[in-house]
Amino acid sequence: MAESAALQPDDVRLIRALQVAPRASFASIAAALGLTEGAVSRRYRRLRAEGVIRVTGVVDPGALGESKWLVRLRCRPGSVTAIADALAKRDDVSWVALTAAGSEITCAVRSRTREQREDLLGQRLPRTAAVLDINASAMLRQFVGGRGHYWAALRGALTPQQESLLGNDGPPFTESPVITRDPVHLTPGDEKMLDLLAADGRASLVDLAAAADLTPGRVSRRLHALLLRRVVHIDVEIVAASLGFHARANLWLLVHPSAVKSVGRTLAQEPEITFAAAVSGPHNIHAVAHCRDLDELFEFTTDRIGSLPGLQSMEVSPLLQQIKQVGTLVSGDRLVAPRSPRVRR
């Protein structure tokens, strides 16, 4: 998508408005931006059709009592793309990327049942002949991610007054335990509603009610409850290149145990960091950095990350290719929306 790096100012303002309130009506967004409702609607549909943005509902398995894992796979030459594509097709796998010059796959496993997770990590991947090595790390504490991250390129796109007019669709991410001690039990209606939100995070209450076999009023209250309990958050996925970020990297940090919280919380405040979590394994913090180019990545990791108190070592692993973001396949520099929502039986 050669034109993705040249978004118009109103495109950037619209994307920022969606980050603040991803389910706000076009009328509300138009009023805040000083545009017509029709102009906002057309601009949003164009950005979505061009694969620049996608609004999707993302389920957090931690709210359901299940753990989340970060996995690194070292594969035989020539096999990595097929394995990455197969992983990306799974609903319980997100953030699939190729690193290490194309010989390593990094992904996040977000299985909603223990059986599903154990089948993938304990059976399927170890038995895949092309997989040479597996390093699976349990997420222990998430410091930033989901709605907590607002792209640095979008800060200041709207005035505080404009953002206040939009309200929001739930609180942004704040540091919290990965697995809740009071898990939510989903109903069949919840599952159908969440499936529709996964396909379109801006699906109307009427459509959600039809999917869940509820009235719009009841589905509105249930969605509000699920958002508050962090069972689901509405994510605005964005093509990094469209905002000028062409260098992305996984950061694997080893810090002194007493400094894990302070380093994680510092990372959460850095605009280049889109995700940061404490993890098990040989590195105790994993983060994802988005920079404009490799020189900016070098300056960021050496000057600001490298000087953090307690840091003992750091591995910087640039992303060669993004295969899947949170819930969306990626083709080149385009987000590929699913053809239709999944149907549960």
Protein backbone atom coordinates (compact mmCIF):
# COMPACT_ATOMS: atom_id res chain seq x y z
CA MET A 1 0.00 0.00 0.00
CA ALA A 2 2.32 2.69 -1.33
CA GLU A 3 0.07 5.58 -0.28
CA SER A 4 -0.39 4.39 3.29
CA ALA A 5 2.29 6.70 4.68
CA ALA A 6 0.54 9.83 3.37
CA LEU A 7 -2.70 9.97 5.34
CA GLN A 8 -4.63 13.22 5.18
CA PRO A 9 -4.91 15.28 8.41
CA ASP A 10 -8.62 14.43 8.75
CA ASP A 11 -7.74 10.72 8.41
CA VAL A 12 -5.39 10.99 11.39
CA ARG A 13 -7.97 12.92 13.40
CA LEU A 14 -10.59 10.28 12.66
CA ILE A 15 -8.25 7.45 13.68
CA ARG A 16 -7.50 9.25 16.94
CA ALA A 17 -11.22 9.76 17.56
CA LEU A 18 -11.81 6.04 17.08
CA GLN A 19 -9.04 5.22 19.55
CA VAL A 20 -10.68 7.44 22.15
CA ALA A 21 -14.20 6.10 21.50
CA PRO A 22 -14.15 3.19 19.02
CA ARG A 23 -17.94 2.66 19.11
CA ALA A 24 -18.95 6.33 19.01
CA SER A 25 -21.53 7.13 16.35
CA PHE A 26 -20.46 8.86 13.16
CA ALA A 27 -22.68 11.77 14.22
CA SER A 28 -20.78 12.14 17.52
CA ILE A 29 -17.41 11.91 15.80
CA ALA A 30 -18.49 14.42 13.16
CA ALA A 31 -19.60 16.89 15.84
CA ALA A 32 -16.27 16.58 17.65
CA LEU A 33 -14.20 16.93 14.48
CA GLY A 34 -16.26 19.69 12.88
CA LEU A 35 -17.10 17.56 9.84
CA THR A 36 -20.35 16.28 8.37
CA GLU A 37 -21.60 12.84 9.35
CA GLY A 38 -21.47 11.75 5.72
CA ALA A 39 -17.85 12.84 5.37
CA VAL A 40 -16.84 10.88 8.48
CA SER A 41 -18.72 7.80 7.30
CA ARG A 42 -17.12 7.88 3.85
CA ARG A 43 -13.64 8.48 5.26
CA TYR A 44 -13.97 5.61 7.73
CA ARG A 45 -15.21 3.19 5.07
CA ARG A 46 -12.37 4.18 2.74
CA LEU A 47 -9.72 3.64 5.43
CA ARG A 48 -11.23 0.27 6.29
CA ALA A 49 -11.54 -0.79 2.63
CA GLU A 50 -7.91 0.18 2.01
CA GLY A 51 -6.79 -1.95 4.96
CA VAL A 52 -5.43 0.98 6.98
CA ILE A 53 -7.61 0.46 10.07
CA ARG A 54 -9.99 -2.10 11.50
CA VAL A 55 -12.12 -1.91 14.64
CA THR A 56 -12.46 -5.29 16.35
CA GLY A 57 -13.54 -6.77 19.66
CA VAL A 58 -10.71 -8.63 21.41
CA VAL A 59 -11.48 -11.17 24.14
CA ASP A 60 -9.07 -11.38 27.08
CA PRO A 61 -8.76 -15.02 28.22
CA GLY A 62 -7.41 -13.78 31.55
CA ALA A 63 -10.89 -12.49 32.41
CA LEU A 64 -12.14 -16.03 31.81
CA GLY A 65 -9.55 -17.52 34.14
CA GLU A 66 -7.06 -18.67 31.48
CA SER A 67 -3.38 -17.79 31.10
CA LYS A 68 -1.70 -16.06 28.14
CA TRP A 69 1.59 -17.15 26.61
CA LEU A 70 4.27 -15.66 24.36
CA VAL A 71 5.89 -18.22 22.09
CA ARG A 72 9.12 -18.17 20.06
CA LEU A 73 9.59 -20.89 17.46
CA ARG A 74 12.87 -21.57 15.67
CA CYS A 75 12.13 -23.36 12.41
CA ARG A 76 13.92 -25.15 9.59
CA PRO A 77 14.77 -22.97 6.57
CA GLY A 78 11.94 -22.85 4.06
CA SER A 79 9.24 -23.91 6.53
CA VAL A 80 8.67 -20.76 8.55
CA THR A 81 6.07 -19.12 6.30
CA ALA A 82 3.79 -22.18 6.19
CA ILE A 83 3.92 -22.60 9.96
CA ALA A 84 3.30 -18.90 10.57
CA ASP A 85 0.33 -18.90 8.19
CA ALA A 86 -1.16 -21.95 9.93
CA LEU A 87 -0.79 -20.32 13.35
CA ALA A 88 -2.31 -17.06 12.10
CA LYS A 89 -5.48 -18.88 11.04
CA ARG A 90 -6.14 -19.96 14.62
CA ASP A 91 -8.56 -17.82 16.63
CA ASP A 92 -6.47 -18.31 19.78
CA VAL A 93 -3.21 -17.06 18.26
CA SER A 94 -2.42 -13.38 17.72
CA TRP A 95 0.54 -11.15 16.89
CA VAL A 96 2.23 -13.61 14.56
CA ALA A 97 5.48 -12.19 13.19
CA LEU A 98 8.66 -13.38 11.50
CA THR A 99 11.94 -12.32 13.10
CA ALA A 100 15.61 -13.37 13.09
CA ALA A 101 15.89 -12.87 9.30
CA GLY A 102 12.89 -15.12 8.78
CA SER A 103 14.01 -18.15 10.79
CA GLU A 104 11.94 -17.44 13.92
CA ILE A 105 8.23 -17.01 14.59
CA THR A 106 6.93 -14.99 17.52
CA CYS A 107 3.27 -15.26 18.48
CA ALA A 108 0.88 -14.82 21.38
CA VAL A 109 -1.32 -17.72 22.47
CA ARG A 110 -4.64 -16.56 23.93
CA SER A 111 -6.55 -19.83 24.26
CA ARG A 112 -9.88 -19.60 26.03
CA THR A 113 -9.68 -23.15 27.44
CA ARG A 114 -6.82 -25.07 29.02
CA GLU A 115 -7.43 -28.00 26.67
CA GLN A 116 -7.07 -25.79 23.60
CA ARG A 117 -3.82 -24.29 24.90
CA GLU A 118 -2.30 -27.63 25.92
CA ASP A 119 -3.20 -29.16 22.56
CA LEU A 120 -1.28 -26.42 20.73
CA LEU A 121 1.73 -26.01 23.05
CA GLY A 122 1.99 -29.55 24.32
CA GLN A 123 1.01 -31.60 21.28
CA ARG A 124 0.80 -29.91 17.90
CA LEU A 125 3.86 -27.66 17.89
CA PRO A 126 6.29 -30.15 19.51
CA ARG A 127 5.27 -32.79 16.94
CA THR A 128 5.85 -30.47 13.97
CA ALA A 129 9.05 -31.74 12.35
CA ALA A 130 10.00 -28.32 10.96
CA VAL A 131 10.00 -26.77 14.46
CA LEU A 132 13.53 -26.97 15.85
CA ASP A 133 12.99 -25.23 19.18
CA ILE A 134 10.10 -23.87 21.26
CA ASN A 135 10.36 -21.24 23.97
CA ALA A 136 6.99 -20.59 25.63
CA SER A 137 6.76 -17.89 28.30
CA ALA A 138 3.75 -17.33 30.52
CA MET A 139 2.63 -13.72 30.83
CA LEU A 140 2.84 -12.75 34.51
CA ARG A 141 1.86 -9.07 34.52
CA GLN A 142 0.86 -6.82 31.62
CA PHE A 143 2.00 -3.22 31.89
CA VAL A 144 0.57 -1.80 28.67
CA GLY A 145 -1.42 -3.02 25.68
CA GLY A 146 -4.89 -3.00 24.19
CA ARG A 147 -6.73 0.31 24.66
CA GLY A 148 -3.94 1.59 26.90
CA HIS A 149 -1.73 2.42 23.95
CA TYR A 150 -2.30 5.50 21.82
CA TRP A 151 0.14 5.86 18.95
CA ALA A 152 2.74 8.60 19.47
CA ALA A 153 1.96 9.87 15.98
CA LEU A 154 -1.63 10.57 17.07
CA ARG A 155 -0.94 12.53 20.22
CA GLY A 156 -2.16 16.06 19.75
CA ALA A 157 -4.24 15.16 16.70
CA LEU A 158 -7.32 16.25 18.68
CA THR A 159 -7.63 18.93 21.33
CA PRO A 160 -8.57 17.92 24.89
CA GLN A 161 -11.96 19.56 24.27
CA GLN A 162 -12.56 17.42 21.18
CA GLU A 163 -11.62 14.25 23.06
CA SER A 164 -13.94 15.15 25.93
CA LEU A 165 -16.82 15.54 23.47
CA LEU A 166 -16.29 11.96 22.34
CA GLY A 167 -16.44 10.40 25.77
CA ASN A 168 -15.11 6.85 25.57
CA ASP A 169 -16.16 3.22 25.22
CA GLY A 170 -14.57 1.98 28.40
CA PRO A 171 -11.46 2.73 30.44
CA PRO A 172 -8.04 2.38 28.82
CA PHE A 173 -5.76 -0.42 29.91
CA THR A 174 -4.19 -0.11 33.34
CA GLU A 175 -1.72 -2.50 34.95
CA SER A 176 -3.49 -5.45 36.52
CA PRO A 177 -3.07 -9.18 37.17
CA VAL A 178 -3.08 -11.23 33.97
CA ILE A 179 -5.62 -13.74 35.33
CA THR A 180 -8.58 -12.55 37.35
CA ARG A 181 -9.42 -14.35 40.58
CA ASP A 182 -13.12 -14.00 39.80
CA PRO A 183 -13.47 -15.31 36.22
CA VAL A 184 -16.47 -14.42 34.10
CA HIS A 185 -18.61 -17.26 32.80
CA LEU A 186 -19.90 -16.55 29.31
CA THR A 187 -23.38 -17.47 28.14
CA PRO A 188 -24.13 -18.78 24.62
CA GLY A 189 -25.55 -15.32 23.87
CA ASP A 190 -22.31 -13.70 25.05
CA GLU A 191 -20.31 -15.96 22.75
CA LYS A 192 -22.40 -15.00 19.72
CA MET A 193 -22.16 -11.31 20.55
CA LEU A 194 -18.38 -11.54 20.98
CA ASP A 195 -18.05 -13.38 17.67
CA LEU A 196 -19.83 -10.54 15.90
CA LEU A 197 -17.69 -7.93 17.67
CA ALA A 198 -14.57 -9.82 16.59
CA ALA A 199 -15.68 -9.35 13.00
CA ASP A 200 -16.80 -5.74 13.48
CA GLY A 201 -16.12 -3.88 16.72
CA ARG A 202 -18.61 -1.20 15.63
CA ALA A 203 -21.49 -3.62 15.05
CA SER A 204 -24.77 -1.95 16.01
CA LEU A 205 -26.74 -2.85 19.12
CA VAL A 206 -29.53 -4.06 16.84
CA ASP A 207 -27.17 -6.51 15.12
CA LEU A 208 -25.62 -7.60 18.42
CA ALA A 209 -29.09 -8.14 19.88
CA ALA A 210 -30.10 -10.27 16.91
CA ALA A 211 -26.93 -12.37 17.25
CA ALA A 212 -27.38 -12.87 21.00
CA ASP A 213 -31.18 -13.27 20.84
CA LEU A 214 -31.66 -10.35 23.24
CA THR A 215 -33.29 -6.95 23.09
CA PRO A 216 -31.03 -3.99 22.21
CA GLY A 217 -31.43 -2.66 25.75
CA ARG A 218 -30.33 -5.93 27.35
CA VAL A 219 -27.43 -6.41 24.95
CA SER A 220 -26.29 -2.83 25.66
CA ARG A 221 -26.19 -3.52 29.39
CA ARG A 222 -24.44 -6.86 28.89
CA LEU A 223 -21.81 -5.35 26.59
CA HIS A 224 -21.19 -2.60 29.14
CA ALA A 225 -20.68 -5.23 31.84
CA LEU A 226 -18.27 -7.25 29.69
CA LEU A 227 -16.26 -4.12 28.91
CA LEU A 228 -16.05 -3.20 32.60
CA ARG A 229 -14.93 -6.73 33.51
CA ARG A 230 -12.36 -6.56 30.70
CA VAL A 231 -13.70 -9.68 29.08
CA VAL A 232 -13.49 -7.76 25.81
CA HIS A 233 -11.99 -4.48 24.68
CA ILE A 234 -12.65 -2.69 21.41
CA ASP A 235 -9.34 -2.38 19.61
CA VAL A 236 -8.50 -0.08 16.70
CA GLU A 237 -5.94 -1.94 14.65
CA ILE A 238 -3.77 0.31 12.50
CA VAL A 239 -1.20 -0.34 9.80
CA ALA A 240 2.05 0.87 11.36
CA ALA A 241 3.47 2.06 8.03
CA SER A 242 0.48 4.34 7.46
CA LEU A 243 1.62 6.45 10.41
CA GLY A 244 5.26 6.41 9.39
CA PHE A 245 6.47 3.56 11.64
CA HIS A 246 8.64 1.29 9.50
CA ALA A 247 10.89 -0.31 12.15
CA ARG A 248 9.26 -2.68 14.61
CA ALA A 249 11.06 -4.95 17.04
CA ASN A 250 10.56 -7.41 19.86
CA LEU A 251 12.55 -6.44 22.93
CA TRP A 252 13.50 -9.25 25.30
CA LEU A 253 14.85 -7.78 28.53
CA LEU A 254 16.57 -9.39 31.49
CA VAL A 255 16.35 -7.12 34.53
CA HIS A 256 17.07 -7.63 38.19
CA PRO A 257 14.01 -9.23 39.83
CA SER A 258 13.58 -6.24 42.14
CA ALA A 259 13.40 -3.90 39.12
CA VAL A 260 10.84 -5.78 37.00
CA LYS A 261 7.88 -3.65 38.11
CA SER A 262 9.69 -0.33 37.83
CA VAL A 263 11.11 -1.14 34.37
CA GLY A 264 7.73 -2.42 33.16
CA ARG A 265 5.95 0.71 34.35
CA THR A 266 8.59 2.93 32.74
CA LEU A 267 8.20 1.09 29.44
CA ALA A 268 4.43 1.62 29.64
CA GLN A 269 5.01 5.40 29.54
CA GLU A 270 7.23 5.31 26.46
CA PRO A 271 5.30 6.30 23.30
CA GLU A 272 7.32 3.85 21.17
CA ILE A 273 6.22 0.88 23.28
CA THR A 274 2.95 -0.72 22.17
CA PHE A 275 3.07 -3.70 24.51
CA ALA A 276 5.03 -4.61 27.64
CA ALA A 277 4.66 -7.51 30.06
CA ALA A 278 6.56 -9.42 32.70
CA VAL A 279 7.06 -13.01 31.54
CA SER A 280 8.53 -16.29 32.71
CA GLY A 281 11.65 -17.78 31.14
CA PRO A 282 15.21 -16.60 30.41
CA HIS A 283 14.04 -13.01 29.82
CA ASN A 284 11.66 -11.56 32.39
CA ILE A 285 10.21 -8.64 30.36
CA HIS A 286 8.93 -8.67 26.79
CA ALA A 287 8.07 -5.49 24.92
CA VAL A 288 7.23 -4.42 21.38
CA ALA A 289 8.65 -1.18 20.02
CA HIS A 290 7.49 0.79 16.96
CA CYS A 291 9.91 3.37 15.53
CA ARG A 292 10.10 5.32 12.31
CA ASP A 293 13.32 3.70 11.13
CA LEU A 294 16.20 1.54 12.35
CA ASP A 295 18.23 4.58 13.41
CA GLU A 296 15.40 5.74 15.67
CA LEU A 297 15.11 2.18 17.02
CA PHE A 298 18.85 2.22 17.78
CA GLU A 299 18.66 5.56 19.57
CA PHE A 300 15.59 4.50 21.54
CA THR A 301 16.98 1.15 22.71
CA THR A 302 20.48 2.41 23.55
CA ASP A 303 19.69 5.78 25.14
CA ARG A 304 16.32 5.35 26.83
CA ILE A 305 15.96 1.62 27.35
CA GLY A 306 19.63 0.80 27.79
CA SER A 307 19.98 3.28 30.66
CA LEU A 308 17.12 1.90 32.77
CA PRO A 309 18.21 0.99 36.32
CA GLY A 310 18.28 -2.75 36.85
CA LEU A 311 18.64 -3.70 33.17
CA GLN A 312 21.16 -6.53 32.79
CA SER A 313 20.79 -7.46 29.11
CA MET A 314 18.53 -6.83 26.14
CA GLU A 315 17.88 -8.64 22.87
CA VAL A 316 16.52 -6.48 20.04
CA SER A 317 14.80 -8.62 17.40
CA PRO A 318 13.48 -6.57 14.44
CA LEU A 319 10.30 -7.82 12.80
CA LEU A 320 10.88 -9.01 9.27
CA GLN A 321 7.19 -9.50 8.49
CA GLN A 322 3.92 -9.13 10.39
CA ILE A 323 1.54 -11.99 9.58
CA LYS A 324 -1.22 -11.18 12.06
CA GLN A 325 -1.95 -8.36 14.48
CA VAL A 326 -4.29 -8.73 17.46
CA GLY A 327 -7.16 -10.28 15.54
CA THR A 328 -6.46 -9.42 11.92
CA LEU A 329 -4.37 -11.00 9.20
CA VAL A 330 -1.85 -8.73 7.52
CA SER A 331 -0.91 -8.81 3.83
CA GLY A 332 2.03 -6.56 3.06
CA ASP A 333 0.94 -3.24 4.53
CA ARG A 334 -2.78 -4.00 4.51
CA LEU A 335 -5.11 -5.38 7.17
CA VAL A 336 -7.26 -8.19 5.83
CA ALA A 337 -10.72 -8.28 7.39
CA PRO A 338 -12.38 -11.67 7.92
CA ARG A 339 -15.00 -12.65 5.38
CA SER A 340 -17.70 -13.29 7.97
CA PRO A 341 -18.06 -13.80 11.74
CA ARG A 342 -17.54 -17.26 13.10
CA VAL A 343 -20.67 -19.27 13.87
CA ARG A 344 -20.82 -21.18 17.14
CA ARG A 345 -22.95 -24.29 17.37
